[in-house]
Amino acid sequence: MDAVDDAFEAVPRADFLPRGVRRRAGVDGPLPIGHGGTCSQPRTVADMLRLLDVRPGQRVLDVGSGSGWTTALLGHLVGPAGHVVGVEIEPHLARWGAENVARAGMPWAQARAADPAVLGLPAEGPWDRILVSAQAARLPQALVDQLADPGRLVVPVAGRMALVVLEAGATRVSEHGYYRFVPLQPGRSPAGHLIHAAAATTASSRCSPRQVTRGPPDPRGGGYSSHGPSHSPGLTHAHDAGDPPASA
């Protein structure tokens, strides 16, 4: 069993689902968690974690943490010597996800509400690894700038899974198949200006990885919100996490 499989065994998806959805935890597809969010298709989550190549002791940022499942998976992968922070822009999901992660019993992993005016968490970077679970319209330079050197960023961009590797000051970008994700919600500054554009996608089938050559990533890259696709190994036991709070 590799590290990702071990994380899936240790962190059951059902523990991060609303009560009415837990019986479907073993379904290999995205599941609704309320407020426009989904818990990602397990197979896709596994693909993303393997691309991210998380190591024990690393500092990891989880953008669009939703229910907190990926934050807890990352917490298991980094272990007690590491540090994981999940950020979620939808306030109801952020509170519920934070409770779910706290219940997982890994004090080195936490989830919190995102600042809608800031993409990622630059004030606490740099980050060895960054995972983004919602689709950007363009590669977000703001997140690339938060990477440690060496570092890796995995983010769906315009229907394709992108891996960004920063090493010795050089950035390499590769594409790793087609995926359908929940689009990024637009974020707004306190003055009301749109700062992160939402993106929609229709591509869902996979393709073989291919290396691409790019100029500098577009600084207008997308914002963040709750999860798109993911997968689960069929574990269905759950803590009584309850449901996401209803909107006021």
C-alpha atoms as a PDB file:
ATOM      1  CA  MET A   1       0.000   0.000   0.000  1.00  0.00           C
ATOM      2  CA  ASP A   2       1.427   3.386  -0.987  1.00  0.00           C
ATOM      3  CA  ALA A   3       1.157   6.541   1.128  1.00  0.00           C
ATOM      4  CA  VAL A   4      -1.970   7.806  -0.658  1.00  0.00           C
ATOM      5  CA  ASP A   5      -3.806   4.474  -0.251  1.00  0.00           C
ATOM      6  CA  ASP A   6      -2.805   4.476   3.405  1.00  0.00           C
ATOM      7  CA  ALA A   7      -4.214   7.989   3.832  1.00  0.00           C
ATOM      8  CA  PHE A   8      -7.526   6.904   2.296  1.00  0.00           C
ATOM      9  CA  GLU A   9      -7.742   4.013   4.739  1.00  0.00           C
ATOM     10  CA  ALA A  10      -6.936   6.264   7.699  1.00  0.00           C
ATOM     11  CA  VAL A  11      -9.241   9.175   6.743  1.00  0.00           C
ATOM     12  CA  PRO A  12     -12.685   7.832   5.695  1.00  0.00           C
ATOM     13  CA  ARG A  13     -14.580  10.027   3.282  1.00  0.00           C
ATOM     14  CA  ALA A  14     -17.849   9.361   5.127  1.00  0.00           C
ATOM     15  CA  ASP A  15     -16.588  11.334   8.124  1.00  0.00           C
ATOM     16  CA  PHE A  16     -16.613  14.470   5.941  1.00  0.00           C
ATOM     17  CA  LEU A  17     -20.069  14.123   4.385  1.00  0.00           C
ATOM     18  CA  PRO A  18     -23.497  15.361   5.508  1.00  0.00           C
ATOM     19  CA  ARG A  19     -25.568  12.684   7.238  1.00  0.00           C
ATOM     20  CA  GLY A  20     -27.885  12.134   4.293  1.00  0.00           C
ATOM     21  CA  VAL A  21     -24.996  11.497   1.907  1.00  0.00           C
ATOM     22  CA  ARG A  22     -22.778   9.208   4.012  1.00  0.00           C
ATOM     23  CA  ARG A  23     -24.295   5.989   2.686  1.00  0.00           C
ATOM     24  CA  ARG A  24     -22.917   7.001  -0.733  1.00  0.00           C
ATOM     25  CA  ALA A  25     -19.369   7.549   0.523  1.00  0.00           C
ATOM     26  CA  GLY A  26     -18.080   4.608  -1.537  1.00  0.00           C
ATOM     27  CA  VAL A  27     -19.400   6.042  -4.813  1.00  0.00           C
ATOM     28  CA  ASP A  28     -16.533   7.053  -7.101  1.00  0.00           C
ATOM     29  CA  GLY A  29     -18.003  10.402  -7.981  1.00  0.00           C
ATOM     30  CA  PRO A  30     -18.422  13.898  -6.525  1.00  0.00           C
ATOM     31  CA  LEU A  31     -21.059  14.163  -3.785  1.00  0.00           C
ATOM     32  CA  PRO A  32     -22.979  17.293  -2.745  1.00  0.00           C
ATOM     33  CA  ILE A  33     -22.126  18.860   0.602  1.00  0.00           C
ATOM     34  CA  GLY A  34     -24.395  21.892   0.375  1.00  0.00           C
ATOM     35  CA  HIS A  35     -23.891  25.579  -0.390  1.00  0.00           C
ATOM     36  CA  GLY A  36     -22.876  24.776  -3.969  1.00  0.00           C
ATOM     37  CA  GLY A  37     -19.938  22.582  -2.923  1.00  0.00           C
ATOM     38  CA  THR A  38     -19.103  18.948  -3.524  1.00  0.00           C
ATOM     39  CA  CYS A  39     -16.826  16.378  -1.932  1.00  0.00           C
ATOM     40  CA  SER A  40     -14.548  15.398  -4.755  1.00  0.00           C
ATOM     41  CA  GLN A  41     -14.482  12.087  -6.624  1.00  0.00           C
ATOM     42  CA  PRO A  42     -12.069   9.828  -4.717  1.00  0.00           C
ATOM     43  CA  ARG A  43     -10.193   8.643  -7.807  1.00  0.00           C
ATOM     44  CA  THR A  44      -9.483  12.222  -8.802  1.00  0.00           C
ATOM     45  CA  VAL A  45      -8.336  13.144  -5.292  1.00  0.00           C
ATOM     46  CA  ALA A  46      -5.928  10.194  -5.373  1.00  0.00           C
ATOM     47  CA  ASP A  47      -4.596  11.307  -8.774  1.00  0.00           C
ATOM     48  CA  MET A  48      -4.030  14.826  -7.467  1.00  0.00           C
ATOM     49  CA  LEU A  49      -2.315  13.671  -4.277  1.00  0.00           C
ATOM     50  CA  ARG A  50       0.050  11.442  -6.226  1.00  0.00           C
ATOM     51  CA  LEU A  51       0.946  14.338  -8.525  1.00  0.00           C
ATOM     52  CA  LEU A  52       1.491  16.540  -5.469  1.00  0.00           C
ATOM     53  CA  ASP A  53       3.951  13.974  -4.026  1.00  0.00           C
ATOM     54  CA  VAL A  54       3.531  15.060  -0.408  1.00  0.00           C
ATOM     55  CA  ARG A  55       6.329  14.080   1.989  1.00  0.00           C
ATOM     56  CA  PRO A  56       6.338  13.820   5.797  1.00  0.00           C
ATOM     57  CA  GLY A  57       7.208  17.082   7.531  1.00  0.00           C
ATOM     58  CA  GLN A  58       6.163  19.364   4.663  1.00  0.00           C
ATOM     59  CA  ARG A  59       4.056  22.528   4.822  1.00  0.00           C
ATOM     60  CA  VAL A  60       0.961  22.195   2.621  1.00  0.00           C
ATOM     61  CA  LEU A  61      -1.795  24.622   1.601  1.00  0.00           C
ATOM     62  CA  ASP A  62      -5.197  23.196   0.594  1.00  0.00           C
ATOM     63  CA  VAL A  63      -7.128  25.786  -1.432  1.00  0.00           C
ATOM     64  CA  GLY A  64     -10.866  25.146  -1.613  1.00  0.00           C
ATOM     65  CA  SER A  65     -10.932  22.785   1.366  1.00  0.00           C
ATOM     66  CA  GLY A  66     -14.733  22.372   1.437  1.00  0.00           C
ATOM     67  CA  SER A  67     -15.692  19.564   3.834  1.00  0.00           C
ATOM     68  CA  GLY A  68     -12.096  19.274   5.071  1.00  0.00           C
ATOM     69  CA  TRP A  69     -11.524  15.790   3.633  1.00  0.00           C
ATOM     70  CA  THR A  70      -8.510  16.682   1.506  1.00  0.00           C
ATOM     71  CA  THR A  71      -7.078  18.768   4.358  1.00  0.00           C
ATOM     72  CA  ALA A  72      -7.246  15.729   6.635  1.00  0.00           C
ATOM     73  CA  LEU A  73      -5.775  13.455   3.935  1.00  0.00           C
ATOM     74  CA  LEU A  74      -2.886  15.903   3.559  1.00  0.00           C
ATOM     75  CA  GLY A  75      -2.510  15.983   7.352  1.00  0.00           C
ATOM     76  CA  HIS A  76      -2.077  12.222   7.387  1.00  0.00           C
ATOM     77  CA  LEU A  77       0.503  12.421   4.591  1.00  0.00           C
ATOM     78  CA  VAL A  78       2.681  15.077   6.277  1.00  0.00           C
ATOM     79  CA  GLY A  79       2.414  13.579   9.769  1.00  0.00           C
ATOM     80  CA  PRO A  80       2.980  15.342  13.108  1.00  0.00           C
ATOM     81  CA  ALA A  81       6.163  17.050  11.882  1.00  0.00           C
ATOM     82  CA  GLY A  82       4.267  18.758   9.067  1.00  0.00           C
ATOM     83  CA  HIS A  83       1.734  21.576   8.838  1.00  0.00           C
ATOM     84  CA  VAL A  84      -1.434  21.760   6.710  1.00  0.00           C
ATOM     85  CA  VAL A  85      -3.881  24.645   6.334  1.00  0.00           C
ATOM     86  CA  GLY A  86      -7.095  24.401   4.327  1.00  0.00           C
ATOM     87  CA  VAL A  87      -8.866  27.569   3.214  1.00  0.00           C
ATOM     88  CA  GLU A  88     -12.489  27.752   2.024  1.00  0.00           C
ATOM     89  CA  ILE A  89     -14.267  30.835   0.718  1.00  0.00           C
ATOM     90  CA  GLU A  90     -17.859  29.722   1.456  1.00  0.00           C
ATOM     91  CA  PRO A  91     -18.310  30.634   5.139  1.00  0.00           C
ATOM     92  CA  HIS A  92     -20.791  27.889   6.081  1.00  0.00           C
ATOM     93  CA  LEU A  93     -18.606  25.181   4.535  1.00  0.00           C
ATOM     94  CA  ALA A  94     -15.513  26.749   6.113  1.00  0.00           C
ATOM     95  CA  ARG A  95     -16.964  26.421   9.618  1.00  0.00           C
ATOM     96  CA  TRP A  96     -18.218  22.879   9.049  1.00  0.00           C
ATOM     97  CA  GLY A  97     -14.985  21.791   7.366  1.00  0.00           C
ATOM     98  CA  ALA A  98     -12.941  23.203  10.258  1.00  0.00           C
ATOM     99  CA  GLU A  99     -15.015  21.142  12.700  1.00  0.00           C
ATOM    100  CA  ASN A 100     -14.525  18.009  10.602  1.00  0.00           C
ATOM    101  CA  VAL A 101     -10.749  18.471  10.442  1.00  0.00           C
ATOM    102  CA  ALA A 102     -10.527  19.163  14.178  1.00  0.00           C
ATOM    103  CA  ARG A 103     -12.469  15.962  14.836  1.00  0.00           C
ATOM    104  CA  ALA A 104      -9.920  13.979  12.803  1.00  0.00           C
ATOM    105  CA  GLY A 105      -7.432  14.398  15.654  1.00  0.00           C
ATOM    106  CA  MET A 106      -4.463  15.878  13.790  1.00  0.00           C
ATOM    107  CA  PRO A 107      -3.570  19.177  15.490  1.00  0.00           C
ATOM    108  CA  TRP A 108      -0.992  19.928  12.799  1.00  0.00           C
ATOM    109  CA  ALA A 109      -3.844  20.194  10.224  1.00  0.00           C
ATOM    110  CA  GLN A 110      -6.531  22.878  10.305  1.00  0.00           C
ATOM    111  CA  ALA A 111      -9.135  24.451   8.046  1.00  0.00           C
ATOM    112  CA  ARG A 112     -10.361  28.015   8.165  1.00  0.00           C
ATOM    113  CA  ALA A 113     -12.346  30.602   6.245  1.00  0.00           C
ATOM    114  CA  ALA A 114     -10.473  32.184   3.352  1.00  0.00           C
ATOM    115  CA  ASP A 115     -10.018  35.904   2.974  1.00  0.00           C
ATOM    116  CA  PRO A 116     -12.044  36.669  -0.186  1.00  0.00           C
ATOM    117  CA  ALA A 117      -9.585  39.409  -1.105  1.00  0.00           C
ATOM    118  CA  VAL A 118      -6.545  37.091  -1.043  1.00  0.00           C
ATOM    119  CA  LEU A 119      -5.858  34.010  -3.148  1.00  0.00           C
ATOM    120  CA  GLY A 120      -4.207  31.323  -1.023  1.00  0.00           C
ATOM    121  CA  LEU A 121      -2.375  32.205   2.188  1.00  0.00           C
ATOM    122  CA  PRO A 122       0.720  34.223   1.259  1.00  0.00           C
ATOM    123  CA  ALA A 123       1.210  35.611   4.760  1.00  0.00           C
ATOM    124  CA  GLU A 124       2.006  32.109   6.045  1.00  0.00           C
ATOM    125  CA  GLY A 125       4.026  30.875   3.067  1.00  0.00           C
ATOM    126  CA  PRO A 126       6.060  29.738   1.396  1.00  0.00           C
ATOM    127  CA  TRP A 127       4.441  26.308   1.000  1.00  0.00           C
ATOM    128  CA  ASP A 128       6.180  23.095  -0.035  1.00  0.00           C
ATOM    129  CA  ARG A 129       2.974  21.882  -1.665  1.00  0.00           C
ATOM    130  CA  ILE A 130      -0.256  23.587  -2.777  1.00  0.00           C
ATOM    131  CA  LEU A 131      -3.405  21.671  -3.738  1.00  0.00           C
ATOM    132  CA  VAL A 132      -6.330  23.435  -5.428  1.00  0.00           C
ATOM    133  CA  SER A 133      -9.685  21.638  -5.578  1.00  0.00           C
ATOM    134  CA  ALA A 134     -11.606  23.990  -7.863  1.00  0.00           C
ATOM    135  CA  GLN A 135     -10.963  24.973 -11.452  1.00  0.00           C
ATOM    136  CA  ALA A 136      -9.106  28.141 -12.441  1.00  0.00           C
ATOM    137  CA  ALA A 137      -9.536  29.802 -15.812  1.00  0.00           C
ATOM    138  CA  ARG A 138      -5.782  30.407 -16.045  1.00  0.00           C
ATOM    139  CA  LEU A 139      -2.752  29.266 -14.092  1.00  0.00           C
ATOM    140  CA  PRO A 140      -2.831  31.500 -10.979  1.00  0.00           C
ATOM    141  CA  GLN A 141       0.509  33.246 -10.602  1.00  0.00           C
ATOM    142  CA  ALA A 142      -0.459  34.316  -7.090  1.00  0.00           C
ATOM    143  CA  LEU A 143      -0.267  30.670  -5.982  1.00  0.00           C
ATOM    144  CA  VAL A 144       2.929  29.947  -7.911  1.00  0.00           C
ATOM    145  CA  ASP A 145       4.469  32.870  -6.014  1.00  0.00           C
ATOM    146  CA  GLN A 146       3.589  31.167  -2.707  1.00  0.00           C
ATOM    147  CA  LEU A 147       5.583  28.019  -3.488  1.00  0.00           C
ATOM    148  CA  ALA A 148       8.792  27.187  -1.672  1.00  0.00           C
ATOM    149  CA  ASP A 149      11.769  26.233  -3.832  1.00  0.00           C
ATOM    150  CA  PRO A 150      11.599  23.328  -4.419  1.00  0.00           C
ATOM    151  CA  GLY A 151       7.818  23.082  -4.441  1.00  0.00           C
ATOM    152  CA  ARG A 152       4.828  21.623  -6.293  1.00  0.00           C
ATOM    153  CA  LEU A 153       1.375  23.008  -7.129  1.00  0.00           C
ATOM    154  CA  VAL A 154      -1.519  20.909  -8.482  1.00  0.00           C
ATOM    155  CA  VAL A 155      -4.486  22.835  -9.894  1.00  0.00           C
ATOM    156  CA  PRO A 156      -7.168  22.170 -12.525  1.00  0.00           C
ATOM    157  CA  VAL A 157      -6.898  24.823 -15.232  1.00  0.00           C
ATOM    158  CA  ALA A 158      -9.461  25.155 -18.025  1.00  0.00           C
ATOM    159  CA  GLY A 159     -10.401  21.478 -17.890  1.00  0.00           C
ATOM    160  CA  ARG A 160      -6.882  20.037 -17.563  1.00  0.00           C
ATOM    161  CA  MET A 161      -4.965  19.052 -14.452  1.00  0.00           C
ATOM    162  CA  ALA A 162      -1.804  21.152 -14.217  1.00  0.00           C
ATOM    163  CA  LEU A 163       1.300  20.304 -12.212  1.00  0.00           C
ATOM    164  CA  VAL A 164       3.671  23.187 -11.506  1.00  0.00           C
ATOM    165  CA  VAL A 165       7.148  22.255 -10.285  1.00  0.00           C
ATOM    166  CA  LEU A 166       9.431  24.994  -8.969  1.00  0.00           C
ATOM    167  CA  GLU A 167      13.062  23.961  -8.602  1.00  0.00           C
ATOM    168  CA  ALA A 168      16.273  25.985  -8.539  1.00  0.00           C
ATOM    169  CA  GLY A 169      14.344  29.086  -9.590  1.00  0.00           C
ATOM    170  CA  ALA A 170      12.892  27.447 -12.726  1.00  0.00           C
ATOM    171  CA  THR A 171       9.190  26.647 -13.168  1.00  0.00           C
ATOM    172  CA  ARG A 172       7.982  23.663 -15.206  1.00  0.00           C
ATOM    173  CA  VAL A 173       4.316  23.104 -16.065  1.00  0.00           C
ATOM    174  CA  SER A 174       2.873  19.788 -17.238  1.00  0.00           C
ATOM    175  CA  GLU A 175      -0.702  18.690 -17.995  1.00  0.00           C
ATOM    176  CA  HIS A 176      -2.130  15.440 -16.671  1.00  0.00           C
ATOM    177  CA  GLY A 177      -5.501  14.632 -18.178  1.00  0.00           C
ATOM    178  CA  TYR A 178      -8.937  16.167 -18.448  1.00  0.00           C
ATOM    179  CA  TYR A 179     -11.208  16.613 -15.433  1.00  0.00           C
ATOM    180  CA  ARG A 180     -14.528  18.231 -14.595  1.00  0.00           C
ATOM    181  CA  PHE A 181     -14.456  20.397 -11.457  1.00  0.00           C
ATOM    182  CA  VAL A 182     -16.715  22.702  -9.541  1.00  0.00           C
ATOM    183  CA  PRO A 183     -15.930  26.163 -10.944  1.00  0.00           C
ATOM    184  CA  LEU A 184     -14.147  28.693  -8.799  1.00  0.00           C
ATOM    185  CA  GLN A 185     -16.435  31.181  -7.134  1.00  0.00           C
ATOM    186  CA  PRO A 186     -15.600  34.786  -7.891  1.00  0.00           C
ATOM    187  CA  GLY A 187     -13.880  36.534  -5.015  1.00  0.00           C
ATOM    188  CA  ARG A 188     -14.316  40.228  -4.325  1.00  0.00           C
ATOM    189  CA  SER A 189     -12.196  42.772  -2.603  1.00  0.00           C
ATOM    190  CA  PRO A 190     -13.713  44.815   0.240  1.00  0.00           C
ATOM    191  CA  ALA A 191     -14.451  47.526  -2.330  1.00  0.00           C
ATOM    192  CA  GLY A 192     -16.507  45.052  -4.338  1.00  0.00           C
ATOM    193  CA  HIS A 193     -14.120  44.599  -7.249  1.00  0.00           C
ATOM    194  CA  LEU A 194     -13.958  41.165  -8.874  1.00  0.00           C
ATOM    195  CA  ILE A 195     -10.507  39.710  -8.216  1.00  0.00           C
ATOM    196  CA  HIS A 196     -10.776  35.988  -9.085  1.00  0.00           C
ATOM    197  CA  ALA A 197     -12.743  34.943 -12.161  1.00  0.00           C
ATOM    198  CA  ALA A 198     -14.944  31.852 -12.080  1.00  0.00           C
ATOM    199  CA  ALA A 199     -14.391  29.164 -14.703  1.00  0.00           C
ATOM    200  CA  ALA A 200     -16.651  26.499 -16.143  1.00  0.00           C
ATOM    201  CA  THR A 201     -15.568  23.209 -17.702  1.00  0.00           C
ATOM    202  CA  THR A 202     -17.151  20.444 -19.727  1.00  0.00           C
ATOM    203  CA  ALA A 203     -14.163  18.145 -20.256  1.00  0.00           C
ATOM    204  CA  SER A 204     -14.140  15.048 -18.071  1.00  0.00           C
ATOM    205  CA  SER A 205     -12.257  12.234 -19.779  1.00  0.00           C
ATOM    206  CA  ARG A 206      -8.592  11.579 -19.051  1.00  0.00           C
ATOM    207  CA  CYS A 207      -5.678  11.804 -21.411  1.00  0.00           C
ATOM    208  CA  SER A 208      -2.010  10.915 -21.119  1.00  0.00           C
ATOM    209  CA  PRO A 209       0.251  13.466 -19.393  1.00  0.00           C
ATOM    210  CA  ARG A 210       2.116  15.786 -21.717  1.00  0.00           C
ATOM    211  CA  GLN A 211       4.745  18.393 -21.091  1.00  0.00           C
ATOM    212  CA  VAL A 212       3.871  21.899 -22.182  1.00  0.00           C
ATOM    213  CA  THR A 213       5.953  25.013 -22.648  1.00  0.00           C
ATOM    214  CA  ARG A 214       4.522  28.219 -21.271  1.00  0.00           C
ATOM    215  CA  GLY A 215       5.475  31.803 -20.749  1.00  0.00           C
ATOM    216  CA  PRO A 216       4.941  33.314 -17.302  1.00  0.00           C
ATOM    217  CA  PRO A 217       1.627  32.200 -15.742  1.00  0.00           C
ATOM    218  CA  ASP A 218      -1.210  34.704 -16.147  1.00  0.00           C
ATOM    219  CA  PRO A 219      -1.581  36.750 -12.937  1.00  0.00           C
ATOM    220  CA  ARG A 220      -5.325  36.901 -13.559  1.00  0.00           C
ATOM    221  CA  GLY A 221      -5.698  33.220 -12.643  1.00  0.00           C
ATOM    222  CA  GLY A 222      -8.770  32.099 -10.773  1.00  0.00           C
ATOM    223  CA  GLY A 223      -9.923  32.199  -7.190  1.00  0.00           C
ATOM    224  CA  TYR A 224     -11.023  29.329  -5.047  1.00  0.00           C
ATOM    225  CA  SER A 225     -13.910  27.560  -3.405  1.00  0.00           C
ATOM    226  CA  SER A 226     -15.085  24.092  -2.497  1.00  0.00           C
ATOM    227  CA  HIS A 227     -14.200  20.802  -4.128  1.00  0.00           C
ATOM    228  CA  GLY A 228     -14.670  19.321  -7.553  1.00  0.00           C
ATOM    229  CA  PRO A 229     -14.147  15.599  -8.391  1.00  0.00           C
ATOM    230  CA  SER A 230     -12.635  13.042  -6.007  1.00  0.00           C
ATOM    231  CA  HIS A 231     -12.677   9.256  -5.131  1.00  0.00           C
ATOM    232  CA  SER A 232     -13.206   6.925  -2.165  1.00  0.00           C
ATOM    233  CA  PRO A 233     -12.214   3.352  -1.339  1.00  0.00           C
ATOM    234  CA  GLY A 234     -15.670   2.473  -0.045  1.00  0.00           C
ATOM    235  CA  LEU A 235     -15.185   3.283   3.636  1.00  0.00           C
ATOM    236  CA  THR A 236     -18.538   4.252   5.113  1.00  0.00           C
ATOM    237  CA  HIS A 237     -18.166   4.488   8.904  1.00  0.00           C
ATOM    238  CA  ALA A 238     -18.486   8.024  10.191  1.00  0.00           C
ATOM    239  CA  HIS A 239     -18.210  10.191  13.240  1.00  0.00           C
ATOM    240  CA  ASP A 240     -21.329  12.202  13.921  1.00  0.00           C
ATOM    241  CA  ALA A 241     -20.058  15.279  12.154  1.00  0.00           C
ATOM    242  CA  GLY A 242     -23.544  16.586  11.428  1.00  0.00           C
ATOM    243  CA  ASP A 243     -24.443  18.649   8.394  1.00  0.00           C
ATOM    244  CA  PRO A 244     -23.102  21.961   7.100  1.00  0.00           C
ATOM    245  CA  PRO A 245     -24.915  24.868   8.765  1.00  0.00           C
ATOM    246  CA  ALA A 246     -27.840  26.277   6.815  1.00  0.00           C
ATOM    247  CA  SER A 247     -27.675  29.700   5.292  1.00  0.00           C
ATOM    248  CA  ALA A 248     -29.093  32.488   7.389  1.00  0.00           C
END
